[in-house]
Amino acid sequence: MRGPITTRMVQDALLTQGFDPGPLDGIRGRRTIAALKAYQSEAGLDVTGLVDAPTAQGLFGMNPSSPDILPDATPWMDTAAQMMGMHETLNNAEVTDFLASDGGTAGDPAQVPWCADFVQTCLALSLPAEPLPTNPYASIAWARFGRAVAPSFGAILCFWRDSPDSWKGHVGFCVEVAPTHILLRGGNQSDAICEKWIARANLRPDGSRWPITALPPI
């Protein structure tokens, strides 16, 4: 096996070993986390609810030191990927339901800016213990989220709009980093959930963040 471990792979492995992760939907929800913790407890592993190298070895029979194995360090990216292509108007009901599925929402995505709402929902569903910003529906609030990291796959990136001092901006998840632009997976991009290249020059100072309850960046 080579490449990253996905949430769906974890769910399949848990079910095979007799731990019910809930729907096999690729979303790291509370039932999947609870099943993973139950597995870790029974296996005598650190009960973190995260697929670190020892957990990957147990679930998939992998050598934890293998450079080919990438633990499931970014489950929120799986959650975001489930909604790719959804449009705020054409798929309004689906997008609205998703944004409210974590228990809160900024409102109708066809009426209000919702890039930060999308980031909050993906993180709240996949990392329910993660402390979120006081006002998670404002993109600028995510510039103080978690801890600062270099832009890398899965990092939460905060960009400014109009001017570096403006509160206006955009937030999403890093997919790929190029010399002058960053590929961002997010909501409210061309009114949809998609991936879009954004100028690196517009990234806020310390605007690349990482959840404190997640595994370290790969």
N, C-alpha and C. Protein backbone atom coordinates (compact mmCIF):
# COMPACT_ATOMS: atom_id res chain seq x y z
N MET A 1 0.85 -1.20 0.00
CA MET A 1 0.00 0.00 0.00
C MET A 1 0.88 1.24 0.00
N ARG A 2 0.50 2.24 -0.77
CA ARG A 2 1.29 3.46 -0.85
C ARG A 2 0.35 4.65 -0.88
N GLY A 3 0.74 5.74 -0.23
CA GLY A 3 -0.06 6.95 -0.29
C GLY A 3 -0.76 7.22 1.03
N PRO A 4 -1.58 8.26 1.06
CA PRO A 4 -2.23 8.67 2.30
C PRO A 4 -3.37 7.74 2.69
N ILE A 5 -3.56 7.60 3.98
CA ILE A 5 -4.70 6.86 4.51
C ILE A 5 -5.89 7.80 4.52
N THR A 6 -7.00 7.38 3.98
CA THR A 6 -8.19 8.21 3.96
C THR A 6 -9.16 7.77 5.07
N THR A 7 -10.09 8.64 5.38
CA THR A 7 -11.09 8.33 6.39
C THR A 7 -11.91 7.12 5.99
N ARG A 8 -12.24 7.00 4.72
CA ARG A 8 -13.02 5.85 4.26
C ARG A 8 -12.24 4.55 4.48
N MET A 9 -10.94 4.56 4.23
CA MET A 9 -10.12 3.38 4.49
C MET A 9 -10.14 3.02 5.97
N VAL A 10 -10.08 4.01 6.82
CA VAL A 10 -10.12 3.78 8.26
C VAL A 10 -11.47 3.17 8.66
N GLN A 11 -12.54 3.72 8.11
CA GLN A 11 -13.87 3.19 8.41
C GLN A 11 -14.00 1.73 8.00
N ASP A 12 -13.53 1.41 6.80
CA ASP A 12 -13.59 0.02 6.31
C ASP A 12 -12.80 -0.91 7.23
N ALA A 13 -11.60 -0.46 7.63
CA ALA A 13 -10.75 -1.30 8.48
C ALA A 13 -11.36 -1.50 9.85
N LEU A 14 -11.95 -0.45 10.42
CA LEU A 14 -12.59 -0.57 11.72
C LEU A 14 -13.76 -1.56 11.66
N LEU A 15 -14.57 -1.44 10.62
CA LEU A 15 -15.72 -2.35 10.49
C LEU A 15 -15.26 -3.79 10.35
N THR A 16 -14.21 -4.02 9.58
CA THR A 16 -13.67 -5.36 9.39
C THR A 16 -13.22 -5.97 10.71
N GLN A 17 -12.70 -5.12 11.59
CA GLN A 17 -12.19 -5.60 12.87
C GLN A 17 -13.24 -5.57 13.98
N GLY A 18 -14.49 -5.29 13.61
CA GLY A 18 -15.58 -5.40 14.57
C GLY A 18 -15.92 -4.14 15.33
N PHE A 19 -15.48 -2.98 14.83
CA PHE A 19 -15.78 -1.70 15.47
C PHE A 19 -16.64 -0.87 14.52
N ASP A 20 -17.82 -0.48 14.99
CA ASP A 20 -18.79 0.19 14.13
C ASP A 20 -18.46 1.67 13.99
N PRO A 21 -18.03 2.12 12.77
CA PRO A 21 -17.70 3.53 12.58
C PRO A 21 -18.87 4.37 12.12
N GLY A 22 -20.06 3.76 12.04
CA GLY A 22 -21.20 4.49 11.48
C GLY A 22 -21.21 4.37 9.97
N PRO A 23 -21.88 5.28 9.27
CA PRO A 23 -21.96 5.22 7.82
C PRO A 23 -20.57 5.23 7.18
N LEU A 24 -20.38 4.42 6.16
CA LEU A 24 -19.09 4.39 5.45
C LEU A 24 -19.10 5.50 4.41
N ASP A 25 -18.96 6.73 4.90
CA ASP A 25 -19.15 7.91 4.05
C ASP A 25 -17.89 8.74 3.85
N GLY A 26 -16.77 8.30 4.43
CA GLY A 26 -15.54 9.06 4.27
C GLY A 26 -15.48 10.31 5.12
N ILE A 27 -16.42 10.49 6.03
CA ILE A 27 -16.44 11.67 6.92
C ILE A 27 -16.07 11.23 8.33
N ARG A 28 -15.10 11.88 8.91
CA ARG A 28 -14.61 11.52 10.24
C ARG A 28 -15.52 12.15 11.29
N GLY A 29 -16.68 11.54 11.46
CA GLY A 29 -17.64 12.04 12.43
C GLY A 29 -17.43 11.43 13.81
N ARG A 30 -18.32 11.75 14.73
CA ARG A 30 -18.17 11.32 16.11
C ARG A 30 -18.19 9.80 16.25
N ARG A 31 -19.01 9.10 15.46
CA ARG A 31 -19.08 7.64 15.58
C ARG A 31 -17.78 7.00 15.09
N THR A 32 -17.21 7.55 14.02
CA THR A 32 -15.94 7.02 13.54
C THR A 32 -14.84 7.25 14.57
N ILE A 33 -14.82 8.44 15.17
CA ILE A 33 -13.81 8.74 16.19
C ILE A 33 -13.99 7.83 17.39
N ALA A 34 -15.23 7.61 17.82
CA ALA A 34 -15.49 6.74 18.97
C ALA A 34 -15.05 5.31 18.68
N ALA A 35 -15.32 4.83 17.46
CA ALA A 35 -14.89 3.47 17.08
C ALA A 35 -13.38 3.37 17.06
N LEU A 36 -12.73 4.41 16.57
CA LEU A 36 -11.27 4.41 16.51
C LEU A 36 -10.67 4.41 17.91
N LYS A 37 -11.25 5.18 18.81
CA LYS A 37 -10.77 5.20 20.19
C LYS A 37 -10.99 3.84 20.86
N ALA A 38 -12.12 3.21 20.57
CA ALA A 38 -12.39 1.89 21.14
C ALA A 38 -11.37 0.87 20.64
N TYR A 39 -11.05 0.96 19.35
CA TYR A 39 -10.03 0.07 18.79
C TYR A 39 -8.67 0.31 19.46
N GLN A 40 -8.28 1.59 19.59
CA GLN A 40 -6.99 1.91 20.19
C GLN A 40 -6.92 1.42 21.63
N SER A 41 -8.01 1.58 22.37
CA SER A 41 -8.05 1.14 23.75
C SER A 41 -7.86 -0.37 23.84
N GLU A 42 -8.58 -1.12 23.01
CA GLU A 42 -8.49 -2.58 23.04
C GLU A 42 -7.12 -3.06 22.59
N ALA A 43 -6.50 -2.31 21.66
CA ALA A 43 -5.20 -2.70 21.14
C ALA A 43 -4.04 -2.24 22.01
N GLY A 44 -4.33 -1.51 23.08
CA GLY A 44 -3.29 -1.04 23.96
C GLY A 44 -2.49 0.12 23.41
N LEU A 45 -3.11 0.90 22.51
CA LEU A 45 -2.45 2.05 21.90
C LEU A 45 -2.87 3.33 22.62
N ASP A 46 -2.16 4.41 22.35
CA ASP A 46 -2.58 5.71 22.87
C ASP A 46 -3.97 6.03 22.31
N VAL A 47 -4.91 6.36 23.19
CA VAL A 47 -6.29 6.60 22.77
C VAL A 47 -6.41 8.08 22.38
N THR A 48 -6.16 8.35 21.11
CA THR A 48 -6.18 9.72 20.59
C THR A 48 -7.31 9.97 19.60
N GLY A 49 -7.84 8.91 19.00
CA GLY A 49 -8.83 9.09 17.95
C GLY A 49 -8.20 9.55 16.65
N LEU A 50 -6.87 9.53 16.57
CA LEU A 50 -6.15 9.93 15.37
C LEU A 50 -5.38 8.73 14.83
N VAL A 51 -5.27 8.64 13.52
CA VAL A 51 -4.57 7.50 12.91
C VAL A 51 -3.09 7.84 12.78
N ASP A 52 -2.38 7.66 13.91
CA ASP A 52 -0.95 7.85 13.89
C ASP A 52 -0.29 6.58 13.36
N ALA A 53 1.04 6.54 13.30
CA ALA A 53 1.73 5.40 12.71
C ALA A 53 1.45 4.08 13.43
N PRO A 54 1.49 4.02 14.78
CA PRO A 54 1.18 2.74 15.44
C PRO A 54 -0.25 2.26 15.16
N THR A 55 -1.20 3.20 15.10
CA THR A 55 -2.58 2.81 14.80
C THR A 55 -2.69 2.30 13.37
N ALA A 56 -1.99 2.94 12.44
CA ALA A 56 -1.99 2.48 11.06
C ALA A 56 -1.40 1.08 10.95
N GLN A 57 -0.36 0.82 11.74
CA GLN A 57 0.24 -0.52 11.72
C GLN A 57 -0.78 -1.56 12.17
N GLY A 58 -1.52 -1.25 13.22
CA GLY A 58 -2.49 -2.20 13.72
C GLY A 58 -3.67 -2.40 12.78
N LEU A 59 -4.19 -1.30 12.24
CA LEU A 59 -5.37 -1.39 11.38
C LEU A 59 -5.06 -2.02 10.02
N PHE A 60 -3.90 -1.68 9.48
CA PHE A 60 -3.60 -2.08 8.10
C PHE A 60 -2.39 -3.00 7.97
N GLY A 61 -1.76 -3.37 9.11
CA GLY A 61 -0.59 -4.24 9.04
C GLY A 61 0.61 -3.57 8.41
N MET A 62 0.73 -2.25 8.60
CA MET A 62 1.82 -1.50 7.97
C MET A 62 3.01 -1.36 8.91
N ASN A 63 4.17 -1.23 8.34
CA ASN A 63 5.36 -0.87 9.10
C ASN A 63 5.26 0.61 9.43
N PRO A 64 5.18 1.00 10.70
CA PRO A 64 4.97 2.41 11.04
C PRO A 64 6.11 3.33 10.61
N SER A 65 7.29 2.74 10.33
CA SER A 65 8.42 3.58 9.91
C SER A 65 8.54 3.67 8.39
N SER A 66 7.63 3.04 7.66
CA SER A 66 7.71 3.05 6.20
C SER A 66 7.48 4.46 5.66
N PRO A 67 8.35 4.95 4.76
CA PRO A 67 8.15 6.29 4.19
C PRO A 67 6.98 6.34 3.22
N ASP A 68 6.46 5.16 2.84
CA ASP A 68 5.34 5.13 1.90
C ASP A 68 4.01 5.36 2.59
N ILE A 69 3.99 5.33 3.92
CA ILE A 69 2.73 5.42 4.65
C ILE A 69 2.52 6.83 5.17
N LEU A 70 1.43 7.43 4.78
CA LEU A 70 1.08 8.77 5.25
C LEU A 70 -0.15 8.66 6.14
N PRO A 71 0.01 8.83 7.46
CA PRO A 71 -1.15 8.75 8.35
C PRO A 71 -2.24 9.74 7.97
N ASP A 72 -3.42 9.49 8.48
CA ASP A 72 -4.57 10.33 8.16
C ASP A 72 -4.47 11.64 8.93
N ALA A 73 -3.55 12.51 8.49
CA ALA A 73 -3.28 13.75 9.22
C ALA A 73 -4.25 14.86 8.89
N THR A 74 -5.02 14.73 7.82
CA THR A 74 -5.90 15.82 7.40
C THR A 74 -7.32 15.31 7.11
N PRO A 75 -8.02 14.78 8.11
CA PRO A 75 -9.36 14.25 7.85
C PRO A 75 -10.35 15.32 7.38
N TRP A 76 -10.09 16.59 7.72
CA TRP A 76 -11.00 17.65 7.26
C TRP A 76 -10.95 17.82 5.74
N MET A 77 -9.85 17.41 5.13
CA MET A 77 -9.76 17.49 3.67
C MET A 77 -10.67 16.46 3.02
N ASP A 78 -10.80 15.29 3.66
CA ASP A 78 -11.75 14.28 3.19
C ASP A 78 -13.17 14.82 3.26
N THR A 79 -13.48 15.46 4.39
CA THR A 79 -14.83 16.02 4.57
C THR A 79 -15.11 17.07 3.51
N ALA A 80 -14.14 17.94 3.25
CA ALA A 80 -14.32 18.97 2.23
C ALA A 80 -14.50 18.35 0.85
N ALA A 81 -13.76 17.28 0.58
CA ALA A 81 -13.83 16.65 -0.73
C ALA A 81 -15.21 16.05 -1.01
N GLN A 82 -15.92 15.65 0.05
CA GLN A 82 -17.26 15.07 -0.13
C GLN A 82 -18.22 16.07 -0.79
N MET A 83 -17.94 17.37 -0.61
CA MET A 83 -18.86 18.40 -1.09
C MET A 83 -18.37 19.10 -2.35
N MET A 84 -17.29 18.64 -2.92
CA MET A 84 -16.72 19.29 -4.10
C MET A 84 -17.74 19.39 -5.23
N GLY A 85 -17.81 20.56 -5.85
CA GLY A 85 -18.70 20.77 -6.99
C GLY A 85 -20.07 21.30 -6.63
N MET A 86 -20.41 21.31 -5.33
CA MET A 86 -21.72 21.79 -4.92
C MET A 86 -21.80 23.32 -5.07
N HIS A 87 -22.90 23.80 -5.65
CA HIS A 87 -23.09 25.23 -5.94
C HIS A 87 -24.10 25.82 -4.98
N GLU A 88 -23.85 27.06 -4.55
CA GLU A 88 -24.70 27.67 -3.52
C GLU A 88 -26.15 27.87 -3.95
N THR A 89 -26.39 27.97 -5.26
CA THR A 89 -27.76 28.13 -5.76
C THR A 89 -28.30 26.83 -6.34
N LEU A 90 -27.53 26.20 -7.22
CA LEU A 90 -27.98 24.97 -7.87
C LEU A 90 -28.14 23.82 -6.88
N ASN A 91 -27.32 23.81 -5.84
CA ASN A 91 -27.39 22.75 -4.82
C ASN A 91 -27.62 23.38 -3.45
N ASN A 92 -28.50 24.37 -3.41
CA ASN A 92 -28.68 25.15 -2.19
C ASN A 92 -29.05 24.30 -0.98
N ALA A 93 -29.96 23.37 -1.14
CA ALA A 93 -30.41 22.56 -0.01
C ALA A 93 -29.27 21.72 0.55
N GLU A 94 -28.48 21.10 -0.36
CA GLU A 94 -27.37 20.26 0.10
C GLU A 94 -26.31 21.08 0.82
N VAL A 95 -25.96 22.23 0.24
CA VAL A 95 -24.94 23.08 0.86
C VAL A 95 -25.43 23.63 2.20
N THR A 96 -26.68 24.09 2.22
CA THR A 96 -27.24 24.63 3.46
C THR A 96 -27.26 23.57 4.56
N ASP A 97 -27.70 22.35 4.23
CA ASP A 97 -27.74 21.28 5.22
C ASP A 97 -26.35 20.94 5.72
N PHE A 98 -25.37 20.92 4.82
CA PHE A 98 -24.00 20.61 5.23
C PHE A 98 -23.48 21.67 6.19
N LEU A 99 -23.67 22.93 5.86
CA LEU A 99 -23.14 24.00 6.69
C LEU A 99 -23.79 24.03 8.07
N ALA A 100 -25.00 23.50 8.18
CA ALA A 100 -25.69 23.45 9.47
C ALA A 100 -25.46 22.14 10.21
N SER A 101 -24.78 21.19 9.58
CA SER A 101 -24.66 19.85 10.15
C SER A 101 -23.79 19.79 11.40
N ASP A 102 -23.00 20.84 11.66
CA ASP A 102 -22.18 20.86 12.86
C ASP A 102 -22.89 21.57 14.01
N GLY A 103 -24.12 21.99 13.79
CA GLY A 103 -24.90 22.62 14.83
C GLY A 103 -24.99 24.13 14.75
N GLY A 104 -24.33 24.73 13.76
CA GLY A 104 -24.40 26.18 13.59
C GLY A 104 -24.12 26.56 12.16
N THR A 105 -24.52 27.76 11.76
CA THR A 105 -24.29 28.20 10.39
C THR A 105 -24.43 29.71 10.32
N ALA A 106 -23.80 30.29 9.29
CA ALA A 106 -23.91 31.74 9.06
C ALA A 106 -25.20 32.09 8.34
N GLY A 107 -25.87 31.08 7.77
CA GLY A 107 -27.12 31.34 7.07
C GLY A 107 -27.12 30.78 5.66
N ASP A 108 -28.08 31.23 4.86
CA ASP A 108 -28.26 30.76 3.49
C ASP A 108 -27.02 31.11 2.66
N PRO A 109 -26.31 30.12 2.10
CA PRO A 109 -25.10 30.41 1.34
C PRO A 109 -25.35 31.24 0.09
N ALA A 110 -26.58 31.28 -0.38
CA ALA A 110 -26.89 32.11 -1.54
C ALA A 110 -27.07 33.57 -1.15
N GLN A 111 -27.10 33.86 0.17
CA GLN A 111 -27.36 35.21 0.64
C GLN A 111 -26.20 35.83 1.42
N VAL A 112 -25.34 35.00 2.01
CA VAL A 112 -24.27 35.52 2.87
C VAL A 112 -22.94 34.90 2.47
N PRO A 113 -21.81 35.58 2.75
CA PRO A 113 -20.50 34.97 2.53
C PRO A 113 -20.36 33.71 3.39
N TRP A 114 -19.82 32.64 2.84
CA TRP A 114 -19.81 31.39 3.60
C TRP A 114 -18.50 30.61 3.51
N CYS A 115 -17.41 31.25 3.08
CA CYS A 115 -16.14 30.52 3.02
C CYS A 115 -15.71 30.07 4.42
N ALA A 116 -15.85 30.96 5.42
CA ALA A 116 -15.46 30.61 6.78
C ALA A 116 -16.41 29.58 7.39
N ASP A 117 -17.68 29.65 7.04
CA ASP A 117 -18.66 28.67 7.50
C ASP A 117 -18.27 27.28 7.01
N PHE A 118 -17.80 27.20 5.77
CA PHE A 118 -17.40 25.91 5.20
C PHE A 118 -16.19 25.36 5.96
N VAL A 119 -15.20 26.20 6.22
CA VAL A 119 -14.01 25.77 6.97
C VAL A 119 -14.41 25.29 8.36
N GLN A 120 -15.27 26.07 9.03
CA GLN A 120 -15.70 25.67 10.37
C GLN A 120 -16.39 24.32 10.36
N THR A 121 -17.30 24.11 9.39
CA THR A 121 -18.05 22.86 9.36
C THR A 121 -17.12 21.67 9.14
N CYS A 122 -16.19 21.78 8.21
CA CYS A 122 -15.27 20.68 7.93
C CYS A 122 -14.44 20.33 9.16
N LEU A 123 -13.97 21.35 9.87
CA LEU A 123 -13.14 21.10 11.05
C LEU A 123 -13.97 20.62 12.23
N ALA A 124 -15.14 21.21 12.43
CA ALA A 124 -15.98 20.81 13.56
C ALA A 124 -16.45 19.36 13.43
N LEU A 125 -16.71 18.91 12.21
CA LEU A 125 -17.15 17.53 12.00
C LEU A 125 -16.00 16.54 12.16
N SER A 126 -14.83 16.90 11.68
CA SER A 126 -13.71 15.95 11.68
C SER A 126 -12.85 16.02 12.93
N LEU A 127 -12.83 17.17 13.61
CA LEU A 127 -12.06 17.34 14.85
C LEU A 127 -12.96 17.99 15.91
N PRO A 128 -13.91 17.26 16.45
CA PRO A 128 -14.89 17.88 17.36
C PRO A 128 -14.30 18.45 18.64
N ALA A 129 -13.08 18.05 19.00
CA ALA A 129 -12.46 18.60 20.21
C ALA A 129 -11.62 19.84 19.92
N GLU A 130 -11.52 20.25 18.67
CA GLU A 130 -10.67 21.38 18.30
C GLU A 130 -11.29 22.71 18.72
N PRO A 131 -10.56 23.56 19.46
CA PRO A 131 -11.07 24.89 19.79
C PRO A 131 -11.19 25.74 18.52
N LEU A 132 -12.34 26.29 18.28
CA LEU A 132 -12.59 27.09 17.08
C LEU A 132 -12.56 28.58 17.43
N PRO A 133 -12.39 29.44 16.43
CA PRO A 133 -12.40 30.89 16.70
C PRO A 133 -13.70 31.34 17.35
N THR A 134 -13.63 32.44 18.08
CA THR A 134 -14.82 32.97 18.73
C THR A 134 -15.90 33.30 17.71
N ASN A 135 -15.52 33.89 16.59
CA ASN A 135 -16.46 34.15 15.50
C ASN A 135 -15.98 33.40 14.27
N PRO A 136 -16.31 32.11 14.16
CA PRO A 136 -15.78 31.30 13.08
C PRO A 136 -16.33 31.64 11.71
N TYR A 137 -17.33 32.53 11.64
CA TYR A 137 -17.94 32.88 10.36
C TYR A 137 -17.26 34.08 9.71
N ALA A 138 -16.24 34.63 10.35
CA ALA A 138 -15.45 35.73 9.79
C ALA A 138 -14.11 35.16 9.35
N SER A 139 -13.77 35.34 8.09
CA SER A 139 -12.55 34.73 7.58
C SER A 139 -11.31 35.19 8.33
N ILE A 140 -11.28 36.46 8.73
CA ILE A 140 -10.09 36.99 9.41
C ILE A 140 -9.86 36.32 10.76
N ALA A 141 -10.90 35.78 11.38
CA ALA A 141 -10.76 35.12 12.68
C ALA A 141 -9.87 33.89 12.58
N TRP A 142 -9.81 33.26 11.40
CA TRP A 142 -9.02 32.05 11.23
C TRP A 142 -7.53 32.34 11.17
N ALA A 143 -7.14 33.61 11.06
CA ALA A 143 -5.72 33.97 11.07
C ALA A 143 -5.11 33.78 12.46
N ARG A 144 -5.95 33.57 13.47
CA ARG A 144 -5.47 33.34 14.83
C ARG A 144 -5.83 31.94 15.31
N PHE A 145 -6.27 31.10 14.42
CA PHE A 145 -6.69 29.74 14.76
C PHE A 145 -5.49 28.82 14.96
N GLY A 146 -5.60 27.88 15.89
CA GLY A 146 -4.59 26.84 16.03
C GLY A 146 -3.18 27.37 16.20
N ARG A 147 -2.28 26.87 15.38
CA ARG A 147 -0.89 27.32 15.43
C ARG A 147 -0.39 27.61 14.03
N ALA A 148 0.61 28.46 13.94
CA ALA A 148 1.16 28.84 12.65
C ALA A 148 2.04 27.73 12.09
N VAL A 149 1.92 27.50 10.78
CA VAL A 149 2.75 26.53 10.07
C VAL A 149 3.09 27.10 8.70
N ALA A 150 4.04 26.48 8.04
CA ALA A 150 4.30 26.83 6.65
C ALA A 150 3.15 26.31 5.80
N PRO A 151 2.77 27.00 4.74
CA PRO A 151 1.71 26.49 3.87
C PRO A 151 2.03 25.08 3.38
N SER A 152 1.11 24.17 3.58
CA SER A 152 1.27 22.78 3.18
C SER A 152 -0.10 22.16 3.04
N PHE A 153 -0.17 20.95 2.49
CA PHE A 153 -1.45 20.30 2.25
C PHE A 153 -2.26 20.23 3.54
N GLY A 154 -3.49 20.75 3.48
CA GLY A 154 -4.39 20.71 4.62
C GLY A 154 -4.36 21.93 5.52
N ALA A 155 -3.37 22.79 5.37
CA ALA A 155 -3.30 23.98 6.22
C ALA A 155 -4.47 24.90 5.93
N ILE A 156 -4.93 25.59 6.96
CA ILE A 156 -6.01 26.57 6.81
C ILE A 156 -5.35 27.90 6.46
N LEU A 157 -5.68 28.44 5.29
CA LEU A 157 -5.03 29.64 4.79
C LEU A 157 -5.99 30.82 4.77
N CYS A 158 -5.53 31.95 5.31
CA CYS A 158 -6.34 33.17 5.38
C CYS A 158 -5.74 34.24 4.46
N PHE A 159 -6.54 34.74 3.55
CA PHE A 159 -6.11 35.75 2.59
C PHE A 159 -6.84 37.07 2.85
N TRP A 160 -6.17 38.19 2.52
CA TRP A 160 -6.81 39.49 2.62
C TRP A 160 -7.39 39.89 1.27
N ARG A 161 -8.38 40.77 1.32
CA ARG A 161 -8.98 41.32 0.11
C ARG A 161 -9.01 42.84 0.22
N ASP A 162 -8.81 43.54 -0.86
CA ASP A 162 -8.78 45.01 -0.95
C ASP A 162 -7.44 45.57 -0.47
N SER A 163 -7.05 45.24 0.79
CA SER A 163 -5.77 45.70 1.30
C SER A 163 -5.35 44.79 2.46
N PRO A 164 -4.04 44.73 2.77
CA PRO A 164 -3.59 43.87 3.87
C PRO A 164 -4.20 44.23 5.21
N ASP A 165 -4.63 45.48 5.38
CA ASP A 165 -5.20 45.92 6.66
C ASP A 165 -6.71 45.71 6.75
N SER A 166 -7.32 45.27 5.65
CA SER A 166 -8.78 45.12 5.62
C SER A 166 -9.21 43.87 6.38
N TRP A 167 -10.39 43.92 7.00
CA TRP A 167 -10.96 42.74 7.64
C TRP A 167 -11.55 41.79 6.62
N LYS A 168 -11.72 42.28 5.39
CA LYS A 168 -12.31 41.45 4.34
C LYS A 168 -11.28 40.43 3.84
N GLY A 169 -11.77 39.27 3.48
CA GLY A 169 -10.82 38.27 2.99
C GLY A 169 -11.49 36.96 2.63
N HIS A 170 -10.67 35.93 2.63
CA HIS A 170 -11.12 34.60 2.21
C HIS A 170 -10.33 33.56 2.98
N VAL A 171 -10.93 32.40 3.22
CA VAL A 171 -10.25 31.33 3.95
C VAL A 171 -10.62 30.00 3.32
N GLY A 172 -9.66 29.09 3.32
CA GLY A 172 -9.90 27.76 2.77
C GLY A 172 -8.74 26.85 3.14
N PHE A 173 -8.67 25.68 2.47
CA PHE A 173 -7.67 24.66 2.78
C PHE A 173 -6.65 24.55 1.66
N CYS A 174 -5.39 24.50 2.05
CA CYS A 174 -4.29 24.41 1.09
C CYS A 174 -4.27 23.03 0.42
N VAL A 175 -4.17 23.02 -0.90
CA VAL A 175 -4.03 21.78 -1.66
C VAL A 175 -2.63 21.67 -2.25
N GLU A 176 -2.16 22.74 -2.82
CA GLU A 176 -0.85 22.73 -3.49
C GLU A 176 -0.24 24.13 -3.43
N VAL A 177 1.07 24.18 -3.27
CA VAL A 177 1.78 25.45 -3.18
C VAL A 177 2.71 25.60 -4.37
N ALA A 178 2.57 26.70 -5.09
CA ALA A 178 3.43 27.04 -6.21
C ALA A 178 4.17 28.33 -5.88
N PRO A 179 5.17 28.71 -6.68
CA PRO A 179 5.96 29.90 -6.35
C PRO A 179 5.13 31.18 -6.15
N THR A 180 4.12 31.40 -6.98
CA THR A 180 3.37 32.65 -6.89
C THR A 180 1.91 32.47 -6.49
N HIS A 181 1.41 31.25 -6.53
CA HIS A 181 0.00 31.01 -6.22
C HIS A 181 -0.15 29.76 -5.35
N ILE A 182 -1.31 29.67 -4.69
CA ILE A 182 -1.65 28.52 -3.87
C ILE A 182 -3.00 27.99 -4.32
N LEU A 183 -3.09 26.67 -4.51
CA LEU A 183 -4.36 26.05 -4.87
C LEU A 183 -5.16 25.83 -3.59
N LEU A 184 -6.33 26.44 -3.52
CA LEU A 184 -7.16 26.45 -2.32
C LEU A 184 -8.44 25.66 -2.55
N ARG A 185 -8.73 24.75 -1.63
CA ARG A 185 -10.02 24.04 -1.63
C ARG A 185 -10.92 24.74 -0.62
N GLY A 186 -12.06 25.23 -1.09
CA GLY A 186 -12.91 25.96 -0.17
C GLY A 186 -14.30 26.20 -0.68
N GLY A 187 -15.11 26.83 0.16
CA GLY A 187 -16.46 27.21 -0.22
C GLY A 187 -16.51 28.66 -0.65
N ASN A 188 -17.61 29.02 -1.30
CA ASN A 188 -17.80 30.38 -1.78
C ASN A 188 -16.69 30.80 -2.74
N GLN A 189 -16.21 29.84 -3.53
CA GLN A 189 -15.25 30.11 -4.58
C GLN A 189 -15.99 29.95 -5.90
N SER A 190 -16.22 31.07 -6.61
CA SER A 190 -17.10 31.07 -7.79
C SER A 190 -18.46 30.52 -7.40
N ASP A 191 -18.91 30.88 -6.17
CA ASP A 191 -20.23 30.50 -5.63
C ASP A 191 -20.38 29.00 -5.41
N ALA A 192 -19.27 28.29 -5.31
CA ALA A 192 -19.34 26.84 -5.18
C ALA A 192 -18.22 26.33 -4.28
N ILE A 193 -18.22 25.03 -4.03
CA ILE A 193 -17.14 24.36 -3.32
C ILE A 193 -16.23 23.77 -4.39
N CYS A 194 -15.03 24.32 -4.48
CA CYS A 194 -14.14 23.91 -5.56
C CYS A 194 -12.71 24.23 -5.16
N GLU A 195 -11.79 24.01 -6.09
CA GLU A 195 -10.39 24.36 -5.89
C GLU A 195 -10.03 25.49 -6.84
N LYS A 196 -9.30 26.48 -6.32
CA LYS A 196 -9.02 27.68 -7.09
C LYS A 196 -7.64 28.22 -6.72
N TRP A 197 -6.90 28.70 -7.72
CA TRP A 197 -5.58 29.28 -7.48
C TRP A 197 -5.74 30.72 -6.99
N ILE A 198 -5.01 31.04 -5.90
CA ILE A 198 -5.05 32.37 -5.30
C ILE A 198 -3.62 32.86 -5.11
N ALA A 199 -3.39 34.14 -5.34
CA ALA A 199 -2.05 34.71 -5.25
C ALA A 199 -1.47 34.58 -3.84
N ARG A 200 -0.25 34.09 -3.74
CA ARG A 200 0.41 33.97 -2.44
C ARG A 200 0.63 35.33 -1.79
N ALA A 201 0.75 36.35 -2.62
CA ALA A 201 0.99 37.70 -2.09
C ALA A 201 -0.15 38.17 -1.20
N ASN A 202 -1.34 37.58 -1.37
CA ASN A 202 -2.50 37.99 -0.58
C ASN A 202 -2.66 37.18 0.71
N LEU A 203 -1.74 36.29 0.99
CA LEU A 203 -1.81 35.51 2.23
C LEU A 203 -1.47 36.42 3.41
N ARG A 204 -2.32 36.41 4.43
CA ARG A 204 -2.06 37.26 5.60
C ARG A 204 -0.79 36.81 6.32
N PRO A 205 -0.11 37.73 7.01
CA PRO A 205 1.02 37.34 7.84
C PRO A 205 0.59 36.29 8.87
N ASP A 206 1.33 35.22 8.98
CA ASP A 206 0.96 34.11 9.87
C ASP A 206 -0.42 33.56 9.53
N GLY A 207 -0.81 33.71 8.26
CA GLY A 207 -2.14 33.27 7.85
C GLY A 207 -2.24 31.83 7.45
N SER A 208 -1.20 31.04 7.68
CA SER A 208 -1.25 29.60 7.44
C SER A 208 -1.30 28.91 8.79
N ARG A 209 -2.41 28.21 9.08
CA ARG A 209 -2.67 27.69 10.42
C ARG A 209 -2.90 26.18 10.41
N TRP A 210 -2.75 25.57 11.59
CA TRP A 210 -2.91 24.12 11.71
C TRP A 210 -3.64 23.81 13.01
N PRO A 211 -4.62 22.87 13.00
CA PRO A 211 -5.35 22.52 14.22
C PRO A 211 -4.42 21.96 15.29
N ILE A 212 -4.67 22.32 16.53
CA ILE A 212 -3.80 21.85 17.61
C ILE A 212 -4.13 20.43 18.03
N THR A 213 -5.31 19.89 17.68
CA THR A 213 -5.67 18.54 18.06
C THR A 213 -5.42 17.54 16.95
N ALA A 214 -4.81 17.98 15.84
CA ALA A 214 -4.54 17.10 14.71
C ALA A 214 -3.11 16.57 14.78
N LEU A 215 -2.83 15.54 13.96
CA LEU A 215 -1.45 15.11 13.80
C LEU A 215 -0.66 16.24 13.13
N PRO A 216 0.67 16.24 13.27
CA PRO A 216 1.47 17.28 12.63
C PRO A 216 1.34 17.22 11.11
N PRO A 217 1.62 18.35 10.44
CA PRO A 217 1.59 18.34 8.96
C PRO A 217 2.57 17.32 8.41
N ILE A 218 2.22 16.74 7.27
CA ILE A 218 3.11 15.80 6.60
C ILE A 218 4.07 16.58 5.72
